[in-house]
Amino acid sequence: MHESVVTLFRRTRDVSTGAALATAAISAVLLASGIGGSAQWQVWFAVIALAAGIPHGAMDHVVTVPGMQPARMALFITGYLAVVALAIVAILTWNVLGFALVVVMSAVHFGIGDAAFSRELARAQSPATTRAPWWVYAIPAGALPVVVPLTSQQADDALEFVNPLLRDWHQGVGPYALWASVLAGVVAIIWLVLRGHYRDALDVVALGALALLAPPLVAFAVYFGFWHAQRHTARLVLEMPEAITRSRDHSPAAGFIRAVLPGLPALLGTMVVAAALTMITGGDLQANYLWIALVVVWALTVPHMALTWRLDRDALGAHQTDRAVLSG
């Protein structure tokens, strides 16, 4: 991995961890001061943060079939959108079951993706260093930002605001899932500290603080927009020769921007589709837009998770892939 890309990974990690810790600190101050405010500002903050995370999923074709011909690209896009459409219909039809499956799927996807990011950076910095098993980090990295906010006491009001049917989505197992997630985080922190992986341990601390202190919608949105999406975008630089070149010749930030720009049309498309679906289903933009936008984002995660598995598998495997040579 070229030094400029290593710098990009380090800065992305520092920014995402800083965003989580800052949000947790601000939330703690507001909580101690008894200042919560209405859910409205939290909802729109969540929309903005979620929007920041949408473009990273628009580059799946780069990961899956680089250099594909136009005909194959059209077929790929058609199949991709068909899966998204089926997922949207399923979640809108079976709200509670669909939401529960999304929670599990998101926790798995986020945890594995974050562990892959950490492993790639660690290998670049110290190739010979023995690492802890990837799942020690992946389990709390996925469960803390997803399961904990959605099973906390604050979650009921937030979920009722989004969609009243989701209020008791966990069917009574929420407290057990919450404490299991926290326990996984504590075990991971102890394990990582004892092995000398202090930076990984700080990540788990930041995720735990964000999940436990920030309002549920804010916690998930900050994680998705300013943690998961940013780290995934940094990894996409390794898949894009032009982004690698910009990182080398200009700056790490230039390489990052090059990886973001192609995904921006997807942001506009997602917002437009969410607005159209809200009106088609008879909803009100002010009252129902967030729910529909979340459904669209969750539906996009279904094919995105499957297609990025190759990227994650290679990063977590015993050997580096050809893209390490490309970026070196």
C-alpha atoms as a PDB file:
ATOM      1  CA  MET A   1       0.000   0.000   0.000  1.00  0.00           C
ATOM      2  CA  HIS A   2       1.463   3.351  -1.028  1.00  0.00           C
ATOM      3  CA  GLU A   3       2.321   5.727   1.816  1.00  0.00           C
ATOM      4  CA  SER A   4      -0.247   8.282   0.611  1.00  0.00           C
ATOM      5  CA  VAL A   5      -2.993   5.650   0.836  1.00  0.00           C
ATOM      6  CA  VAL A   6      -1.787   4.625   4.294  1.00  0.00           C
ATOM      7  CA  THR A   7      -2.057   8.290   5.279  1.00  0.00           C
ATOM      8  CA  LEU A   8      -5.579   8.383   3.852  1.00  0.00           C
ATOM      9  CA  PHE A   9      -6.568   5.337   5.904  1.00  0.00           C
ATOM     10  CA  ARG A  10      -5.099   6.825   9.069  1.00  0.00           C
ATOM     11  CA  ARG A  11      -6.813  10.185   8.609  1.00  0.00           C
ATOM     12  CA  THR A  12     -10.139   8.554   7.755  1.00  0.00           C
ATOM     13  CA  ARG A  13      -9.900   6.434  10.871  1.00  0.00           C
ATOM     14  CA  ASP A  14      -9.027   9.412  13.065  1.00  0.00           C
ATOM     15  CA  VAL A  15     -11.858  11.536  11.651  1.00  0.00           C
ATOM     16  CA  SER A  16     -14.464   8.790  12.063  1.00  0.00           C
ATOM     17  CA  THR A  17     -13.360   7.952  15.597  1.00  0.00           C
ATOM     18  CA  GLY A  18     -13.287  11.655  16.444  1.00  0.00           C
ATOM     19  CA  ALA A  19     -16.821  12.128  15.091  1.00  0.00           C
ATOM     20  CA  ALA A  20     -18.113   9.285  17.264  1.00  0.00           C
ATOM     21  CA  LEU A  21     -16.361  10.540  20.410  1.00  0.00           C
ATOM     22  CA  ALA A  22     -17.431  14.158  19.811  1.00  0.00           C
ATOM     23  CA  THR A  23     -21.061  13.136  19.292  1.00  0.00           C
ATOM     24  CA  ALA A  24     -20.955  10.998  22.435  1.00  0.00           C
ATOM     25  CA  ALA A  25     -19.424  13.849  24.457  1.00  0.00           C
ATOM     26  CA  ILE A  26     -21.976  16.411  23.266  1.00  0.00           C
ATOM     27  CA  SER A  27     -24.796  13.956  23.940  1.00  0.00           C
ATOM     28  CA  ALA A  28     -23.471  13.305  27.453  1.00  0.00           C
ATOM     29  CA  VAL A  29     -23.411  17.033  28.208  1.00  0.00           C
ATOM     30  CA  LEU A  30     -26.953  17.484  26.907  1.00  0.00           C
ATOM     31  CA  LEU A  31     -28.104  14.445  28.864  1.00  0.00           C
ATOM     32  CA  ALA A  32     -26.518  15.710  32.092  1.00  0.00           C
ATOM     33  CA  SER A  33     -28.082  19.142  31.519  1.00  0.00           C
ATOM     34  CA  GLY A  34     -31.491  17.643  30.963  1.00  0.00           C
ATOM     35  CA  ILE A  35     -31.607  19.074  27.466  1.00  0.00           C
ATOM     36  CA  GLY A  36     -33.068  16.712  24.930  1.00  0.00           C
ATOM     37  CA  GLY A  37     -35.317  18.789  22.763  1.00  0.00           C
ATOM     38  CA  SER A  38     -37.839  17.457  20.296  1.00  0.00           C
ATOM     39  CA  ALA A  39     -37.180  14.522  18.034  1.00  0.00           C
ATOM     40  CA  GLN A  40     -37.540  16.749  14.982  1.00  0.00           C
ATOM     41  CA  TRP A  41     -33.953  18.052  14.967  1.00  0.00           C
ATOM     42  CA  GLN A  42     -32.711  14.503  15.507  1.00  0.00           C
ATOM     43  CA  VAL A  43     -34.685  13.280  12.522  1.00  0.00           C
ATOM     44  CA  TRP A  44     -33.316  15.874  10.153  1.00  0.00           C
ATOM     45  CA  PHE A  45     -29.820  15.477  11.506  1.00  0.00           C
ATOM     46  CA  ALA A  46     -30.196  11.772  10.803  1.00  0.00           C
ATOM     47  CA  VAL A  47     -31.307  12.499   7.234  1.00  0.00           C
ATOM     48  CA  ILE A  48     -28.213  14.653   6.629  1.00  0.00           C
ATOM     49  CA  ALA A  49     -25.838  12.078   8.133  1.00  0.00           C
ATOM     50  CA  LEU A  50     -27.459   9.236   6.205  1.00  0.00           C
ATOM     51  CA  ALA A  51     -27.153  11.265   3.014  1.00  0.00           C
ATOM     52  CA  ALA A  52     -23.413  11.590   3.620  1.00  0.00           C
ATOM     53  CA  GLY A  53     -23.158   7.823   3.643  1.00  0.00           C
ATOM     54  CA  ILE A  54     -25.171   6.957   0.548  1.00  0.00           C
ATOM     55  CA  PRO A  55     -22.530   7.596  -2.198  1.00  0.00           C
ATOM     56  CA  HIS A  56     -20.160   4.893  -0.921  1.00  0.00           C
ATOM     57  CA  GLY A  57     -22.552   2.160  -2.047  1.00  0.00           C
ATOM     58  CA  ALA A  58     -22.823   3.480  -5.591  1.00  0.00           C
ATOM     59  CA  MET A  59     -19.419   2.064  -6.547  1.00  0.00           C
ATOM     60  CA  ASP A  60     -20.319  -1.615  -6.200  1.00  0.00           C
ATOM     61  CA  HIS A  61     -19.722  -2.190  -9.905  1.00  0.00           C
ATOM     62  CA  VAL A  62     -16.062  -1.201  -9.387  1.00  0.00           C
ATOM     63  CA  VAL A  63     -15.687  -3.846  -6.702  1.00  0.00           C
ATOM     64  CA  THR A  64     -17.665  -6.546  -8.488  1.00  0.00           C
ATOM     65  CA  VAL A  65     -16.824  -6.449 -12.190  1.00  0.00           C
ATOM     66  CA  PRO A  66     -14.162  -3.843 -12.948  1.00  0.00           C
ATOM     67  CA  GLY A  67     -13.867  -2.926 -16.603  1.00  0.00           C
ATOM     68  CA  MET A  68     -17.136  -4.559 -17.627  1.00  0.00           C
ATOM     69  CA  GLN A  69     -18.546  -3.877 -21.085  1.00  0.00           C
ATOM     70  CA  PRO A  70     -21.629  -1.619 -21.496  1.00  0.00           C
ATOM     71  CA  ALA A  71     -23.972  -4.562 -22.140  1.00  0.00           C
ATOM     72  CA  ARG A  72     -22.822  -6.355 -18.996  1.00  0.00           C
ATOM     73  CA  MET A  73     -22.993  -3.102 -17.065  1.00  0.00           C
ATOM     74  CA  ALA A  74     -26.630  -2.611 -18.117  1.00  0.00           C
ATOM     75  CA  LEU A  75     -27.454  -6.192 -17.098  1.00  0.00           C
ATOM     76  CA  PHE A  76     -25.660  -5.720 -13.791  1.00  0.00           C
ATOM     77  CA  ILE A  77     -27.520  -2.484 -13.003  1.00  0.00           C
ATOM     78  CA  THR A  78     -30.859  -4.055 -13.946  1.00  0.00           C
ATOM     79  CA  GLY A  79     -30.280  -7.013 -11.629  1.00  0.00           C
ATOM     80  CA  TYR A  80     -28.998  -4.770  -8.851  1.00  0.00           C
ATOM     81  CA  LEU A  81     -32.039  -2.506  -8.986  1.00  0.00           C
ATOM     82  CA  ALA A  82     -34.361  -5.513  -9.156  1.00  0.00           C
ATOM     83  CA  VAL A  83     -32.937  -6.824  -5.876  1.00  0.00           C
ATOM     84  CA  VAL A  84     -33.331  -3.361  -4.323  1.00  0.00           C
ATOM     85  CA  ALA A  85     -36.955  -3.151  -5.518  1.00  0.00           C
ATOM     86  CA  LEU A  86     -37.773  -6.580  -4.061  1.00  0.00           C
ATOM     87  CA  ALA A  87     -36.173  -5.592  -0.759  1.00  0.00           C
ATOM     88  CA  ILE A  88     -38.189  -2.348  -0.632  1.00  0.00           C
ATOM     89  CA  VAL A  89     -41.441  -4.231  -1.256  1.00  0.00           C
ATOM     90  CA  ALA A  90     -40.557  -6.822   1.388  1.00  0.00           C
ATOM     91  CA  ILE A  91     -39.721  -4.256   4.079  1.00  0.00           C
ATOM     92  CA  LEU A  92     -42.804  -2.158   3.328  1.00  0.00           C
ATOM     93  CA  THR A  93     -44.991  -5.300   3.380  1.00  0.00           C
ATOM     94  CA  TRP A  94     -43.530  -6.907   6.479  1.00  0.00           C
ATOM     95  CA  ASN A  95     -42.365  -3.897   8.466  1.00  0.00           C
ATOM     96  CA  VAL A  96     -41.326  -5.595  11.705  1.00  0.00           C
ATOM     97  CA  LEU A  97     -39.815  -8.755  10.225  1.00  0.00           C
ATOM     98  CA  GLY A  98     -38.072  -6.751   7.523  1.00  0.00           C
ATOM     99  CA  PHE A  99     -36.670  -4.337  10.091  1.00  0.00           C
ATOM    100  CA  ALA A 100     -35.409  -7.178  12.300  1.00  0.00           C
ATOM    101  CA  LEU A 101     -33.633  -8.777   9.345  1.00  0.00           C
ATOM    102  CA  VAL A 102     -32.143  -5.412   8.402  1.00  0.00           C
ATOM    103  CA  VAL A 103     -30.778  -4.988  11.939  1.00  0.00           C
ATOM    104  CA  VAL A 104     -29.060  -8.387  11.804  1.00  0.00           C
ATOM    105  CA  MET A 105     -27.807  -7.844   8.258  1.00  0.00           C
ATOM    106  CA  SER A 106     -26.481  -4.368   9.058  1.00  0.00           C
ATOM    107  CA  ALA A 107     -24.661  -5.527  12.185  1.00  0.00           C
ATOM    108  CA  VAL A 108     -22.936  -8.292  10.215  1.00  0.00           C
ATOM    109  CA  HIS A 109     -22.068  -6.032   7.273  1.00  0.00           C
ATOM    110  CA  PHE A 110     -20.813  -3.135   9.384  1.00  0.00           C
ATOM    111  CA  GLY A 111     -18.765  -5.323  11.702  1.00  0.00           C
ATOM    112  CA  ILE A 112     -17.048  -7.266   8.934  1.00  0.00           C
ATOM    113  CA  GLY A 113     -16.417  -4.118   6.898  1.00  0.00           C
ATOM    114  CA  ASP A 114     -14.884  -2.267   9.828  1.00  0.00           C
ATOM    115  CA  ALA A 115     -12.699  -5.251  10.745  1.00  0.00           C
ATOM    116  CA  ALA A 116     -11.530  -5.448   7.118  1.00  0.00           C
ATOM    117  CA  PHE A 117     -10.618  -1.751   7.139  1.00  0.00           C
ATOM    118  CA  SER A 118      -8.638  -2.182  10.348  1.00  0.00           C
ATOM    119  CA  ARG A 119      -6.887  -5.303   9.059  1.00  0.00           C
ATOM    120  CA  GLU A 120      -5.851  -3.639   5.782  1.00  0.00           C
ATOM    121  CA  LEU A 121      -4.383  -0.655   7.609  1.00  0.00           C
ATOM    122  CA  ALA A 122      -2.610  -2.867  10.142  1.00  0.00           C
ATOM    123  CA  ARG A 123      -1.034  -4.991   7.416  1.00  0.00           C
ATOM    124  CA  ALA A 124       0.178  -1.910   5.574  1.00  0.00           C
ATOM    125  CA  GLN A 125       1.789  -0.484   8.701  1.00  0.00           C
ATOM    126  CA  SER A 126       3.230  -3.679  10.211  1.00  0.00           C
ATOM    127  CA  PRO A 127       2.954  -6.680   7.852  1.00  0.00           C
ATOM    128  CA  ALA A 128       4.599  -9.094  10.285  1.00  0.00           C
ATOM    129  CA  THR A 129       2.536  -8.128  13.339  1.00  0.00           C
ATOM    130  CA  THR A 130       0.310 -10.853  14.763  1.00  0.00           C
ATOM    131  CA  ARG A 131      -3.276  -9.675  14.833  1.00  0.00           C
ATOM    132  CA  ALA A 132      -6.147 -10.675  17.079  1.00  0.00           C
ATOM    133  CA  PRO A 133      -8.816 -12.817  15.365  1.00  0.00           C
ATOM    134  CA  TRP A 134     -10.831 -10.498  13.144  1.00  0.00           C
ATOM    135  CA  TRP A 135     -14.140 -11.483  14.754  1.00  0.00           C
ATOM    136  CA  VAL A 136     -12.977 -10.174  18.159  1.00  0.00           C
ATOM    137  CA  TYR A 137     -13.211  -6.690  16.660  1.00  0.00           C
ATOM    138  CA  ALA A 138     -15.992  -7.355  14.132  1.00  0.00           C
ATOM    139  CA  ILE A 139     -18.684  -8.528  16.570  1.00  0.00           C
ATOM    140  CA  PRO A 140     -18.740  -5.394  18.774  1.00  0.00           C
ATOM    141  CA  ALA A 141     -17.959  -3.160  15.768  1.00  0.00           C
ATOM    142  CA  GLY A 142     -21.250  -4.291  14.239  1.00  0.00           C
ATOM    143  CA  ALA A 143     -23.406  -4.833  17.315  1.00  0.00           C
ATOM    144  CA  LEU A 144     -22.590  -1.666  19.252  1.00  0.00           C
ATOM    145  CA  PRO A 145     -23.647   0.935  16.642  1.00  0.00           C
ATOM    146  CA  VAL A 146     -26.674  -1.052  15.423  1.00  0.00           C
ATOM    147  CA  VAL A 147     -28.147  -3.241  18.170  1.00  0.00           C
ATOM    148  CA  VAL A 148     -27.521  -1.026  21.195  1.00  0.00           C
ATOM    149  CA  PRO A 149     -29.201   2.182  19.917  1.00  0.00           C
ATOM    150  CA  LEU A 150     -32.210   0.213  18.647  1.00  0.00           C
ATOM    151  CA  THR A 151     -32.790  -1.670  21.916  1.00  0.00           C
ATOM    152  CA  SER A 152     -32.123   1.151  24.399  1.00  0.00           C
ATOM    153  CA  GLN A 153     -34.878   2.826  26.411  1.00  0.00           C
ATOM    154  CA  GLN A 154     -34.674   5.881  24.158  1.00  0.00           C
ATOM    155  CA  ALA A 155     -35.276   3.778  21.054  1.00  0.00           C
ATOM    156  CA  ASP A 156     -39.026   3.364  21.587  1.00  0.00           C
ATOM    157  CA  ASP A 157     -39.852   7.045  21.082  1.00  0.00           C
ATOM    158  CA  ALA A 158     -37.489   7.378  18.135  1.00  0.00           C
ATOM    159  CA  LEU A 159     -38.856   4.280  16.403  1.00  0.00           C
ATOM    160  CA  GLU A 160     -42.442   5.352  17.026  1.00  0.00           C
ATOM    161  CA  PHE A 161     -41.621   8.666  15.369  1.00  0.00           C
ATOM    162  CA  VAL A 162     -40.188   6.837  12.355  1.00  0.00           C
ATOM    163  CA  ASN A 163     -42.831   4.084  12.206  1.00  0.00           C
ATOM    164  CA  PRO A 164     -45.055   3.140  15.186  1.00  0.00           C
ATOM    165  CA  LEU A 165     -45.085  -0.507  14.119  1.00  0.00           C
ATOM    166  CA  LEU A 166     -41.384  -0.772  14.936  1.00  0.00           C
ATOM    167  CA  ARG A 167     -41.695   0.185  18.590  1.00  0.00           C
ATOM    168  CA  ASP A 168     -41.525  -3.420  19.889  1.00  0.00           C
ATOM    169  CA  TRP A 169     -39.653  -4.897  16.932  1.00  0.00           C
ATOM    170  CA  HIS A 170     -37.382  -7.042  19.144  1.00  0.00           C
ATOM    171  CA  GLN A 171     -40.320  -8.852  20.778  1.00  0.00           C
ATOM    172  CA  GLY A 172     -38.885  -8.600  24.291  1.00  0.00           C
ATOM    173  CA  VAL A 173     -35.350  -9.814  23.588  1.00  0.00           C
ATOM    174  CA  GLY A 174     -34.006  -6.278  23.236  1.00  0.00           C
ATOM    175  CA  PRO A 175     -32.479  -5.976  26.750  1.00  0.00           C
ATOM    176  CA  TYR A 176     -30.651  -9.281  26.313  1.00  0.00           C
ATOM    177  CA  ALA A 177     -29.332  -8.247  22.901  1.00  0.00           C
ATOM    178  CA  LEU A 178     -28.216  -4.894  24.317  1.00  0.00           C
ATOM    179  CA  TRP A 179     -26.258  -6.409  27.189  1.00  0.00           C
ATOM    180  CA  ALA A 180     -24.784  -9.111  24.962  1.00  0.00           C
ATOM    181  CA  SER A 181     -23.528  -6.361  22.634  1.00  0.00           C
ATOM    182  CA  VAL A 182     -22.047  -4.364  25.521  1.00  0.00           C
ATOM    183  CA  LEU A 183     -20.410  -7.519  26.904  1.00  0.00           C
ATOM    184  CA  ALA A 184     -18.888  -8.247  23.498  1.00  0.00           C
ATOM    185  CA  GLY A 185     -17.480  -4.720  23.494  1.00  0.00           C
ATOM    186  CA  VAL A 186     -15.970  -5.067  26.968  1.00  0.00           C
ATOM    187  CA  VAL A 187     -14.400  -8.426  26.106  1.00  0.00           C
ATOM    188  CA  ALA A 188     -12.992  -7.002  22.860  1.00  0.00           C
ATOM    189  CA  ILE A 189     -11.492  -3.965  24.607  1.00  0.00           C
ATOM    190  CA  ILE A 190      -9.766  -6.144  27.219  1.00  0.00           C
ATOM    191  CA  TRP A 191      -8.505  -8.581  24.586  1.00  0.00           C
ATOM    192  CA  LEU A 192      -7.208  -5.847  22.280  1.00  0.00           C
ATOM    193  CA  VAL A 193      -5.504  -3.909  25.083  1.00  0.00           C
ATOM    194  CA  LEU A 194      -3.774  -7.036  26.388  1.00  0.00           C
ATOM    195  CA  ARG A 195      -2.509  -7.743  22.857  1.00  0.00           C
ATOM    196  CA  GLY A 196      -1.264  -4.186  22.467  1.00  0.00           C
ATOM    197  CA  HIS A 197      -3.807  -3.160  19.813  1.00  0.00           C
ATOM    198  CA  TYR A 198      -4.670   0.108  21.522  1.00  0.00           C
ATOM    199  CA  ARG A 199      -5.996   1.887  18.431  1.00  0.00           C
ATOM    200  CA  ASP A 200      -8.496  -0.902  17.739  1.00  0.00           C
ATOM    201  CA  ALA A 201      -9.534  -0.791  21.385  1.00  0.00           C
ATOM    202  CA  LEU A 202     -10.120   2.974  21.127  1.00  0.00           C
ATOM    203  CA  ASP A 203     -12.442   2.337  18.184  1.00  0.00           C
ATOM    204  CA  VAL A 204     -14.538  -0.063  20.253  1.00  0.00           C
ATOM    205  CA  VAL A 205     -14.638   2.454  23.123  1.00  0.00           C
ATOM    206  CA  ALA A 206     -15.792   5.178  20.715  1.00  0.00           C
ATOM    207  CA  LEU A 207     -18.520   2.975  19.261  1.00  0.00           C
ATOM    208  CA  GLY A 208     -19.729   2.006  22.732  1.00  0.00           C
ATOM    209  CA  ALA A 209     -19.820   5.618  23.895  1.00  0.00           C
ATOM    210  CA  LEU A 210     -21.701   6.699  20.783  1.00  0.00           C
ATOM    211  CA  ALA A 211     -24.243   3.889  21.126  1.00  0.00           C
ATOM    212  CA  LEU A 212     -24.870   4.370  24.839  1.00  0.00           C
ATOM    213  CA  LEU A 213     -24.876   8.168  25.074  1.00  0.00           C
ATOM    214  CA  ALA A 214     -26.242   9.562  21.800  1.00  0.00           C
ATOM    215  CA  PRO A 215     -29.952   9.506  20.876  1.00  0.00           C
ATOM    216  CA  PRO A 216     -30.674   6.362  18.801  1.00  0.00           C
ATOM    217  CA  LEU A 217     -31.315   8.103  15.472  1.00  0.00           C
ATOM    218  CA  VAL A 218     -28.277  10.337  15.924  1.00  0.00           C
ATOM    219  CA  ALA A 219     -26.037   7.443  16.968  1.00  0.00           C
ATOM    220  CA  PHE A 220     -26.918   5.295  13.966  1.00  0.00           C
ATOM    221  CA  ALA A 221     -26.788   8.165  11.498  1.00  0.00           C
ATOM    222  CA  VAL A 222     -23.385   9.420  12.720  1.00  0.00           C
ATOM    223  CA  TYR A 223     -22.023   5.905  12.522  1.00  0.00           C
ATOM    224  CA  PHE A 224     -23.383   5.257   9.037  1.00  0.00           C
ATOM    225  CA  GLY A 225     -22.492   8.617   7.523  1.00  0.00           C
ATOM    226  CA  PHE A 226     -19.264   9.512   9.279  1.00  0.00           C
ATOM    227  CA  TRP A 227     -17.774   6.135  10.174  1.00  0.00           C
ATOM    228  CA  HIS A 228     -18.822   3.193   8.018  1.00  0.00           C
ATOM    229  CA  ALA A 229     -19.251   5.077   4.741  1.00  0.00           C
ATOM    230  CA  GLN A 230     -16.016   7.028   5.130  1.00  0.00           C
ATOM    231  CA  ARG A 231     -13.948   3.948   5.895  1.00  0.00           C
ATOM    232  CA  HIS A 232     -15.520   2.020   3.044  1.00  0.00           C
ATOM    233  CA  THR A 233     -14.797   4.904   0.668  1.00  0.00           C
ATOM    234  CA  ALA A 234     -11.139   4.888   1.745  1.00  0.00           C
ATOM    235  CA  ARG A 235     -11.000   1.198   0.861  1.00  0.00           C
ATOM    236  CA  LEU A 236     -12.531   1.939  -2.537  1.00  0.00           C
ATOM    237  CA  VAL A 237      -9.465   4.031  -3.346  1.00  0.00           C
ATOM    238  CA  LEU A 238      -7.557   0.736  -3.553  1.00  0.00           C
ATOM    239  CA  GLU A 239      -9.980  -0.414  -6.252  1.00  0.00           C
ATOM    240  CA  MET A 240      -9.634   2.711  -8.402  1.00  0.00           C
ATOM    241  CA  PRO A 241      -6.307   3.332 -10.200  1.00  0.00           C
ATOM    242  CA  GLU A 242      -7.247   6.968 -10.829  1.00  0.00           C
ATOM    243  CA  ALA A 243      -7.878   7.530  -7.122  1.00  0.00           C
ATOM    244  CA  ILE A 244      -4.558   5.894  -6.240  1.00  0.00           C
ATOM    245  CA  THR A 245      -2.770   8.131  -8.743  1.00  0.00           C
ATOM    246  CA  ARG A 246      -4.380  11.233  -7.284  1.00  0.00           C
ATOM    247  CA  SER A 247      -3.366  10.141  -3.801  1.00  0.00           C
ATOM    248  CA  ARG A 248       0.228   9.731  -4.935  1.00  0.00           C
ATOM    249  CA  ASP A 249       0.523  12.804  -7.124  1.00  0.00           C
ATOM    250  CA  HIS A 250      -1.619  15.283  -5.212  1.00  0.00           C
ATOM    251  CA  SER A 251      -2.826  14.374  -1.736  1.00  0.00           C
ATOM    252  CA  PRO A 252      -4.687  11.628   0.147  1.00  0.00           C
ATOM    253  CA  ALA A 253      -7.736  13.907   0.203  1.00  0.00           C
ATOM    254  CA  ALA A 254      -7.674  14.154  -3.603  1.00  0.00           C
ATOM    255  CA  GLY A 255      -7.774  10.372  -3.869  1.00  0.00           C
ATOM    256  CA  PHE A 256     -10.670  10.210  -1.431  1.00  0.00           C
ATOM    257  CA  ILE A 257     -12.646  12.834  -3.359  1.00  0.00           C
ATOM    258  CA  ARG A 258     -12.030  10.928  -6.583  1.00  0.00           C
ATOM    259  CA  ALA A 259     -13.646   7.869  -4.994  1.00  0.00           C
ATOM    260  CA  VAL A 260     -16.622   9.908  -3.731  1.00  0.00           C
ATOM    261  CA  LEU A 261     -17.576  11.890  -6.847  1.00  0.00           C
ATOM    262  CA  PRO A 262     -18.919   8.977  -8.955  1.00  0.00           C
ATOM    263  CA  GLY A 263     -21.329   8.115  -6.164  1.00  0.00           C
ATOM    264  CA  LEU A 264     -22.922  11.548  -5.796  1.00  0.00           C
ATOM    265  CA  PRO A 265     -25.636  10.949  -8.447  1.00  0.00           C
ATOM    266  CA  ALA A 266     -26.778   7.997  -6.327  1.00  0.00           C
ATOM    267  CA  LEU A 267     -27.402  10.395  -3.443  1.00  0.00           C
ATOM    268  CA  LEU A 268     -29.736  12.514  -5.530  1.00  0.00           C
ATOM    269  CA  GLY A 269     -31.389   9.411  -6.960  1.00  0.00           C
ATOM    270  CA  THR A 270     -32.013   7.934  -3.528  1.00  0.00           C
ATOM    271  CA  MET A 271     -33.569  11.141  -2.225  1.00  0.00           C
ATOM    272  CA  VAL A 272     -35.812  11.444  -5.290  1.00  0.00           C
ATOM    273  CA  VAL A 273     -36.875   7.791  -5.134  1.00  0.00           C
ATOM    274  CA  ALA A 274     -37.652   8.109  -1.422  1.00  0.00           C
ATOM    275  CA  ALA A 275     -39.794  11.198  -2.052  1.00  0.00           C
ATOM    276  CA  ALA A 276     -41.611   9.490  -4.941  1.00  0.00           C
ATOM    277  CA  LEU A 277     -42.289   6.346  -2.898  1.00  0.00           C
ATOM    278  CA  THR A 278     -43.569   8.445  -0.019  1.00  0.00           C
ATOM    279  CA  MET A 279     -46.144  10.093  -2.269  1.00  0.00           C
ATOM    280  CA  ILE A 280     -47.008   6.885  -4.154  1.00  0.00           C
ATOM    281  CA  THR A 281     -47.729   5.050  -0.902  1.00  0.00           C
ATOM    282  CA  GLY A 282     -49.967   7.878   0.261  1.00  0.00           C
ATOM    283  CA  GLY A 283     -47.588   9.215   2.884  1.00  0.00           C
ATOM    284  CA  ASP A 284     -46.765  12.746   3.902  1.00  0.00           C
ATOM    285  CA  LEU A 285     -43.284  14.049   3.126  1.00  0.00           C
ATOM    286  CA  GLN A 286     -42.887  15.667   6.533  1.00  0.00           C
ATOM    287  CA  ALA A 287     -44.224  12.727   8.525  1.00  0.00           C
ATOM    288  CA  ASN A 288     -43.189   9.685   6.480  1.00  0.00           C
ATOM    289  CA  TYR A 289     -40.169  10.695   4.424  1.00  0.00           C
ATOM    290  CA  LEU A 290     -37.558   9.491   6.930  1.00  0.00           C
ATOM    291  CA  TRP A 291     -39.159   6.041   7.144  1.00  0.00           C
ATOM    292  CA  ILE A 292     -39.232   5.631   3.375  1.00  0.00           C
ATOM    293  CA  ALA A 293     -35.687   6.995   3.015  1.00  0.00           C
ATOM    294  CA  LEU A 294     -34.490   4.487   5.602  1.00  0.00           C
ATOM    295  CA  VAL A 295     -36.281   1.682   3.764  1.00  0.00           C
ATOM    296  CA  VAL A 296     -34.526   2.640   0.529  1.00  0.00           C
ATOM    297  CA  VAL A 297     -31.118   2.785   2.254  1.00  0.00           C
ATOM    298  CA  TRP A 298     -31.742  -0.587   3.896  1.00  0.00           C
ATOM    299  CA  ALA A 299     -32.839  -2.087   0.597  1.00  0.00           C
ATOM    300  CA  LEU A 300     -29.675  -0.814  -1.068  1.00  0.00           C
ATOM    301  CA  THR A 301     -27.676  -2.554   1.656  1.00  0.00           C
ATOM    302  CA  VAL A 302     -28.926  -5.989   0.543  1.00  0.00           C
ATOM    303  CA  PRO A 303     -27.030  -6.206  -2.783  1.00  0.00           C
ATOM    304  CA  HIS A 304     -24.289  -3.910  -1.470  1.00  0.00           C
ATOM    305  CA  MET A 305     -23.493  -6.316   1.354  1.00  0.00           C
ATOM    306  CA  ALA A 306     -23.341  -9.295  -0.979  1.00  0.00           C
ATOM    307  CA  LEU A 307     -21.192  -7.569  -3.581  1.00  0.00           C
ATOM    308  CA  THR A 308     -18.652  -6.157  -1.134  1.00  0.00           C
ATOM    309  CA  TRP A 309     -18.077  -9.567   0.438  1.00  0.00           C
ATOM    310  CA  ARG A 310     -15.186 -10.219  -1.964  1.00  0.00           C
ATOM    311  CA  LEU A 311     -13.504  -7.025  -0.818  1.00  0.00           C
ATOM    312  CA  ASP A 312     -13.999  -7.967   2.835  1.00  0.00           C
ATOM    313  CA  ARG A 313     -12.983 -11.608   2.332  1.00  0.00           C
ATOM    314  CA  ASP A 314      -9.705 -10.649   0.694  1.00  0.00           C
ATOM    315  CA  ALA A 315      -8.883  -8.127   3.412  1.00  0.00           C
ATOM    316  CA  LEU A 316      -9.602 -10.606   6.210  1.00  0.00           C
ATOM    317  CA  GLY A 317      -7.863 -13.510   4.473  1.00  0.00           C
ATOM    318  CA  ALA A 318      -4.388 -14.768   5.101  1.00  0.00           C
ATOM    319  CA  HIS A 319      -2.943 -13.243   1.932  1.00  0.00           C
ATOM    320  CA  GLN A 320      -3.029  -9.844   0.316  1.00  0.00           C
ATOM    321  CA  THR A 321      -4.703  -9.516  -3.055  1.00  0.00           C
ATOM    322  CA  ASP A 322      -3.498  -8.140  -6.366  1.00  0.00           C
ATOM    323  CA  ARG A 323      -4.832  -4.700  -5.504  1.00  0.00           C
ATOM    324  CA  ALA A 324      -2.100  -4.420  -2.878  1.00  0.00           C
ATOM    325  CA  VAL A 325       0.397  -4.597  -5.708  1.00  0.00           C
ATOM    326  CA  LEU A 326      -1.586  -2.036  -7.679  1.00  0.00           C
ATOM    327  CA  SER A 327      -1.580   0.440  -4.809  1.00  0.00           C
ATOM    328  CA  GLY A 328       1.989  -0.152  -3.709  1.00  0.00           C
END
